[in-house]
Amino acid sequence: MTASLRLIDSHAHLDFPEFDHDRDALFAAMAKANITTCIIPGVSPVHWDRQLQVAHQYACPYGLGLHPWYVDAHWPKAIDALSERLDNCSGDKKLVAVGECGLDKMHGENWHWQLPALEAQLLLASKHQLPVILHSVKSHDPLISMLSSHSLPRRGVIHGFYGSVEIAKRYIELGYLLGVGGLLLNEDAKKLHKVVETLPIESFICETDSPAMTPKSAKGSRNSPLLIGQIVTKMAHLQKKSNVLISERLLSNVLQLFEL
């Protein structure tokens, strides 16, 4: 990547303990790579305090949400806590989204709680005029159905998108962007390659989902925002456009969505 290109990781859990031993060094390395910031999503009430501490320490924008993996029988209490936290942070310009929230049938044991928990968070996003950061695993149809019934003022992003061109178009028609991460670097990710090849660059933002979603080429190592340059380069290759053009468009997309 050209040193002058500005990059933003739109989804990285840099508050997680995997980064506790070298967080300062990572942010220094990001600055050298011209990765100016990352958006840190929230996942559960027990994580929010630490998340906000890290976000404020490193001047990162953040979201607040209840991830489907952390939804349980006490989800109404968690949603009440989220609503209170959003109210308390409403004057913080670094609060840019509700999420990470969504649906995940791979964790289907709590499916009957995931649906109302997401519905509640969509209502909070509408109330606070914030975009949503959405997690969707094997649940595109119910998620699209739910989003179709909620005309959110700021829409949002389908994070870590891995679906067909047809599914991608359905989200885009509803006004949502697609978050593309390290899975794009896997040679066997043909479905995702086709999505990036086919759809306009205005449909995407770029992310790593650090420390997760490590590409197969780096199996066994921790993922980090330093991977963003490789993802942008791969997107440029698939779109048959220059790195400069693609990075500029991706930057514009994320700045506009989250009003950074």
Protein backbone atom coordinates (compact mmCIF):
# COMPACT_ATOMS: atom_id res chain seq x y z
CA MET A 1 0.00 0.00 0.00
CA THR A 2 1.14 3.54 -0.76
CA ALA A 3 2.16 5.23 2.48
CA SER A 4 -0.06 8.25 1.81
CA LEU A 5 -3.28 6.20 1.68
CA ARG A 6 -5.39 6.61 4.80
CA LEU A 7 -7.00 3.42 6.11
CA ILE A 8 -9.64 2.70 8.77
CA ASP A 9 -10.50 -0.69 10.23
CA SER A 10 -14.28 -0.55 10.58
CA HIS A 11 -14.50 -3.49 13.02
CA ALA A 12 -11.82 -4.59 15.49
CA HIS A 13 -12.21 -5.82 19.07
CA LEU A 14 -9.03 -4.18 20.33
CA ASP A 15 -10.38 -4.18 23.88
CA PHE A 16 -10.13 -7.98 24.03
CA PRO A 17 -7.43 -9.52 26.27
CA GLU A 18 -5.52 -10.85 23.24
CA PHE A 19 -4.18 -7.29 22.85
CA ASP A 20 -3.42 -6.52 26.49
CA HIS A 21 0.30 -7.33 26.21
CA ASP A 22 1.11 -5.15 23.17
CA ARG A 23 -1.73 -2.68 22.57
CA ASP A 24 0.55 0.38 22.63
CA ALA A 25 2.93 -1.23 20.14
CA LEU A 26 0.03 -2.22 17.89
CA PHE A 27 -1.34 1.32 17.74
CA ALA A 28 2.18 2.60 16.98
CA ALA A 29 2.48 0.07 14.14
CA MET A 30 -0.97 1.08 12.87
CA ALA A 31 0.11 4.73 12.76
CA LYS A 32 3.20 3.81 10.73
CA ALA A 33 0.95 1.90 8.31
CA ASN A 34 -1.35 4.94 8.04
CA ILE A 35 -4.23 3.10 9.71
CA THR A 36 -5.64 6.14 11.43
CA THR A 37 -8.19 4.43 13.67
CA CYS A 38 -10.51 1.48 14.12
CA ILE A 39 -14.09 1.16 15.29
CA ILE A 40 -14.41 -0.97 18.43
CA PRO A 41 -17.80 -2.73 18.67
CA GLY A 42 -19.43 -3.68 21.95
CA VAL A 43 -20.48 -7.25 22.70
CA SER A 44 -21.98 -7.49 26.22
CA PRO A 45 -22.49 -5.60 29.50
CA VAL A 46 -19.51 -7.31 31.14
CA HIS A 47 -17.26 -6.03 28.32
CA TRP A 48 -18.47 -2.43 28.00
CA ASP A 49 -16.42 -0.80 30.76
CA ARG A 50 -13.14 -2.18 29.45
CA GLN A 51 -14.16 -1.43 25.88
CA LEU A 52 -14.88 2.22 26.66
CA GLN A 53 -11.63 2.53 28.59
CA VAL A 54 -9.63 1.31 25.58
CA ALA A 55 -11.67 3.35 23.10
CA HIS A 56 -11.14 6.57 25.03
CA GLN A 57 -7.47 5.87 25.75
CA TYR A 58 -6.71 5.46 22.03
CA ALA A 59 -9.35 7.91 20.73
CA CYS A 60 -11.23 5.21 18.83
CA PRO A 61 -14.87 5.42 17.77
CA TYR A 62 -17.01 2.64 19.17
CA GLY A 63 -20.40 0.95 19.15
CA LEU A 64 -22.41 -0.44 22.05
CA GLY A 65 -24.41 -3.60 21.65
CA LEU A 66 -25.33 -7.10 22.75
CA HIS A 67 -23.73 -9.74 20.50
CA PRO A 68 -25.92 -12.80 19.78
CA TRP A 69 -23.36 -15.10 21.46
CA TYR A 70 -23.99 -13.28 24.75
CA VAL A 71 -27.80 -13.31 24.61
CA ASP A 72 -29.40 -15.45 27.32
CA ALA A 73 -32.59 -15.67 29.36
CA HIS A 74 -31.66 -12.38 31.04
CA TRP A 75 -31.56 -10.48 27.74
CA PRO A 76 -34.25 -7.92 28.77
CA LYS A 77 -32.01 -6.85 31.67
CA ALA A 78 -29.04 -6.56 29.28
CA ILE A 79 -31.12 -4.45 26.89
CA ASP A 80 -32.15 -2.16 29.76
CA ALA A 81 -28.45 -1.78 30.62
CA LEU A 82 -27.67 -1.03 26.98
CA SER A 83 -30.40 1.58 26.79
CA GLU A 84 -29.06 3.27 29.92
CA ARG A 85 -25.50 3.14 28.62
CA LEU A 86 -26.53 4.64 25.27
CA ASP A 87 -28.34 7.44 27.07
CA ASN A 88 -25.27 8.13 29.23
CA CYS A 89 -22.96 8.16 26.18
CA SER A 90 -25.26 10.14 23.91
CA GLY A 91 -23.05 13.23 24.12
CA ASP A 92 -19.88 11.30 23.28
CA LYS A 93 -18.92 11.91 19.65
CA LYS A 94 -16.95 8.66 19.67
CA LEU A 95 -20.19 6.69 20.03
CA VAL A 96 -20.97 5.95 16.38
CA ALA A 97 -23.16 2.82 16.30
CA VAL A 98 -25.37 0.31 18.04
CA GLY A 99 -23.69 -3.07 17.88
CA GLU A 100 -22.31 -5.55 17.46
CA CYS A 101 -25.73 -7.19 17.41
CA GLY A 102 -27.48 -9.63 15.13
CA LEU A 103 -28.40 -13.28 14.58
CA ASP A 104 -26.33 -16.46 14.60
CA LYS A 105 -27.86 -19.89 13.96
CA MET A 106 -24.50 -21.53 14.65
CA HIS A 107 -25.30 -20.62 18.26
CA GLY A 108 -28.87 -21.80 17.89
CA GLU A 109 -29.41 -22.85 21.49
CA ASN A 110 -30.40 -19.26 22.31
CA TRP A 111 -32.15 -18.50 19.01
CA HIS A 112 -35.55 -17.77 20.61
CA TRP A 113 -33.87 -15.02 22.66
CA GLN A 114 -31.69 -13.66 19.83
CA LEU A 115 -34.70 -12.47 17.83
CA PRO A 116 -36.31 -10.19 20.45
CA ALA A 117 -32.88 -8.99 21.63
CA LEU A 118 -32.04 -7.83 18.11
CA GLU A 119 -35.48 -6.27 17.65
CA ALA A 120 -34.91 -4.24 20.81
CA GLN A 121 -31.50 -3.05 19.57
CA LEU A 122 -32.91 -1.97 16.22
CA LEU A 123 -35.41 0.16 18.13
CA LEU A 124 -32.56 1.68 20.16
CA ALA A 125 -30.64 2.45 16.95
CA SER A 126 -33.69 4.25 15.63
CA LYS A 127 -34.18 6.16 18.88
CA HIS A 128 -30.57 7.33 18.99
CA GLN A 129 -30.27 7.93 15.22
CA LEU A 130 -27.29 5.56 14.97
CA PRO A 131 -26.32 2.96 12.37
CA VAL A 132 -26.18 -0.70 13.40
CA ILE A 133 -23.25 -3.12 13.19
CA LEU A 134 -24.87 -6.45 12.34
CA HIS A 135 -23.58 -9.98 12.81
CA SER A 136 -25.25 -12.58 10.58
CA VAL A 137 -24.27 -16.26 10.46
CA LYS A 138 -26.58 -18.68 8.63
CA SER A 139 -29.40 -16.24 9.31
CA HIS A 140 -29.64 -13.92 6.30
CA ASP A 141 -33.33 -14.57 5.57
CA PRO A 142 -34.64 -13.79 9.07
CA LEU A 143 -32.28 -10.81 9.37
CA ILE A 144 -33.39 -9.37 6.03
CA SER A 145 -37.01 -9.88 7.05
CA MET A 146 -36.44 -8.02 10.30
CA LEU A 147 -34.52 -5.18 8.65
CA SER A 148 -37.28 -4.85 6.06
CA SER A 149 -39.76 -4.10 8.83
CA HIS A 150 -37.51 -1.45 10.42
CA SER A 151 -36.68 1.56 8.29
CA LEU A 152 -33.70 2.66 10.35
CA PRO A 153 -32.70 6.26 9.67
CA ARG A 154 -28.96 5.48 9.44
CA ARG A 155 -29.09 1.82 8.28
CA GLY A 156 -25.71 0.18 8.99
CA VAL A 157 -23.33 -2.59 7.96
CA ILE A 158 -23.53 -6.37 7.66
CA HIS A 159 -20.21 -7.12 9.28
CA GLY A 160 -18.01 -10.01 8.11
CA PHE A 161 -20.27 -10.60 5.13
CA TYR A 162 -20.00 -14.04 3.59
CA GLY A 163 -22.96 -14.71 1.33
CA SER A 164 -23.99 -14.84 -2.30
CA VAL A 165 -24.31 -11.97 -4.74
CA GLU A 166 -28.10 -12.34 -4.51
CA ILE A 167 -28.09 -12.03 -0.70
CA ALA A 168 -25.69 -9.10 -0.92
CA LYS A 169 -28.02 -7.28 -3.31
CA ARG A 170 -30.94 -7.74 -0.92
CA TYR A 171 -29.02 -6.02 1.86
CA ILE A 172 -27.86 -3.25 -0.47
CA GLU A 173 -31.43 -2.64 -1.65
CA LEU A 174 -32.35 -2.05 2.00
CA GLY A 175 -29.56 0.55 2.25
CA TYR A 176 -26.96 -1.51 4.15
CA LEU A 177 -23.25 -1.74 3.42
CA LEU A 178 -21.25 -4.97 3.49
CA GLY A 179 -18.21 -5.34 5.75
CA VAL A 180 -15.44 -7.33 4.07
CA GLY A 181 -12.66 -8.85 6.14
CA GLY A 182 -9.78 -11.30 6.12
CA LEU A 183 -11.82 -14.16 4.66
CA LEU A 184 -11.44 -12.37 1.33
CA LEU A 185 -7.75 -13.37 1.37
CA ASN A 186 -8.58 -17.09 1.34
CA GLU A 187 -8.13 -18.52 -2.14
CA ASP A 188 -11.16 -20.78 -1.69
CA ALA A 189 -13.50 -17.90 -0.74
CA LYS A 190 -14.92 -17.90 -4.26
CA LYS A 191 -18.39 -16.77 -3.22
CA LEU A 192 -17.01 -13.68 -1.47
CA HIS A 193 -14.63 -12.98 -4.36
CA LYS A 194 -17.63 -12.98 -6.71
CA VAL A 195 -19.49 -10.51 -4.50
CA VAL A 196 -16.56 -8.06 -4.51
CA GLU A 197 -16.00 -8.52 -8.25
CA THR A 198 -19.67 -7.96 -9.10
CA LEU A 199 -20.91 -5.16 -6.89
CA PRO A 200 -19.85 -1.49 -6.90
CA ILE A 201 -17.20 -0.42 -4.39
CA GLU A 202 -19.77 1.95 -2.86
CA SER A 203 -21.38 -1.18 -1.37
CA PHE A 204 -18.47 -2.03 0.94
CA ILE A 205 -16.45 -1.08 3.95
CA CYS A 206 -13.28 -2.81 5.10
CA GLU A 207 -12.66 -4.56 8.43
CA THR A 208 -10.57 -7.22 10.17
CA ASP A 209 -12.76 -8.41 13.10
CA SER A 210 -9.52 -8.67 15.07
CA PRO A 211 -8.48 -10.82 16.82
CA ALA A 212 -10.77 -13.24 14.92
CA MET A 213 -11.25 -13.90 11.18
CA THR A 214 -7.57 -14.59 10.52
CA PRO A 215 -7.03 -15.69 6.90
CA LYS A 216 -5.82 -19.23 6.29
CA SER A 217 -2.41 -17.96 5.19
CA ALA A 218 -1.84 -16.68 8.74
CA LYS A 219 -3.45 -19.62 10.54
CA GLY A 220 -2.43 -19.85 14.17
CA SER A 221 -1.57 -16.17 14.51
CA ARG A 222 -3.59 -13.34 15.99
CA ASN A 223 -5.41 -11.11 13.53
CA SER A 224 -4.99 -7.34 13.85
CA PRO A 225 -5.85 -4.11 11.97
CA LEU A 226 -2.45 -4.36 10.26
CA LEU A 227 -4.16 -6.74 7.82
CA ILE A 228 -6.34 -3.95 6.37
CA GLY A 229 -3.83 -3.04 3.66
CA GLN A 230 -3.85 -6.59 2.28
CA ILE A 231 -7.66 -6.67 2.22
CA VAL A 232 -7.81 -3.37 0.33
CA THR A 233 -5.21 -4.62 -2.15
CA LYS A 234 -7.24 -7.80 -2.75
CA MET A 235 -10.41 -5.77 -3.26
CA ALA A 236 -8.61 -3.55 -5.76
CA HIS A 237 -7.41 -6.64 -7.63
CA LEU A 238 -10.91 -8.14 -7.76
CA GLN A 239 -12.44 -4.85 -8.86
CA LYS A 240 -9.66 -4.32 -11.43
CA LYS A 241 -9.06 -0.82 -10.10
CA SER A 242 -6.11 0.92 -8.47
CA ASN A 243 -5.34 0.67 -4.76
CA VAL A 244 -5.60 4.44 -4.56
CA LEU A 245 -9.13 4.54 -5.98
CA ILE A 246 -10.38 1.62 -3.89
CA SER A 247 -8.85 2.87 -0.64
CA GLU A 248 -10.30 6.35 -1.21
CA ARG A 249 -13.78 4.97 -1.87
CA LEU A 250 -13.67 2.62 1.11
CA LEU A 251 -12.54 5.49 3.32
CA SER A 252 -15.36 7.68 2.04
CA ASN A 253 -17.89 4.90 2.68
CA VAL A 254 -16.87 4.36 6.31
CA LEU A 255 -16.60 8.08 7.05
CA GLN A 256 -20.09 8.65 5.69
CA LEU A 257 -21.74 5.66 7.37
CA PHE A 258 -20.40 6.39 10.85
CA GLU A 259 -20.10 10.19 10.42
CA LEU A 260 -16.45 10.11 11.48
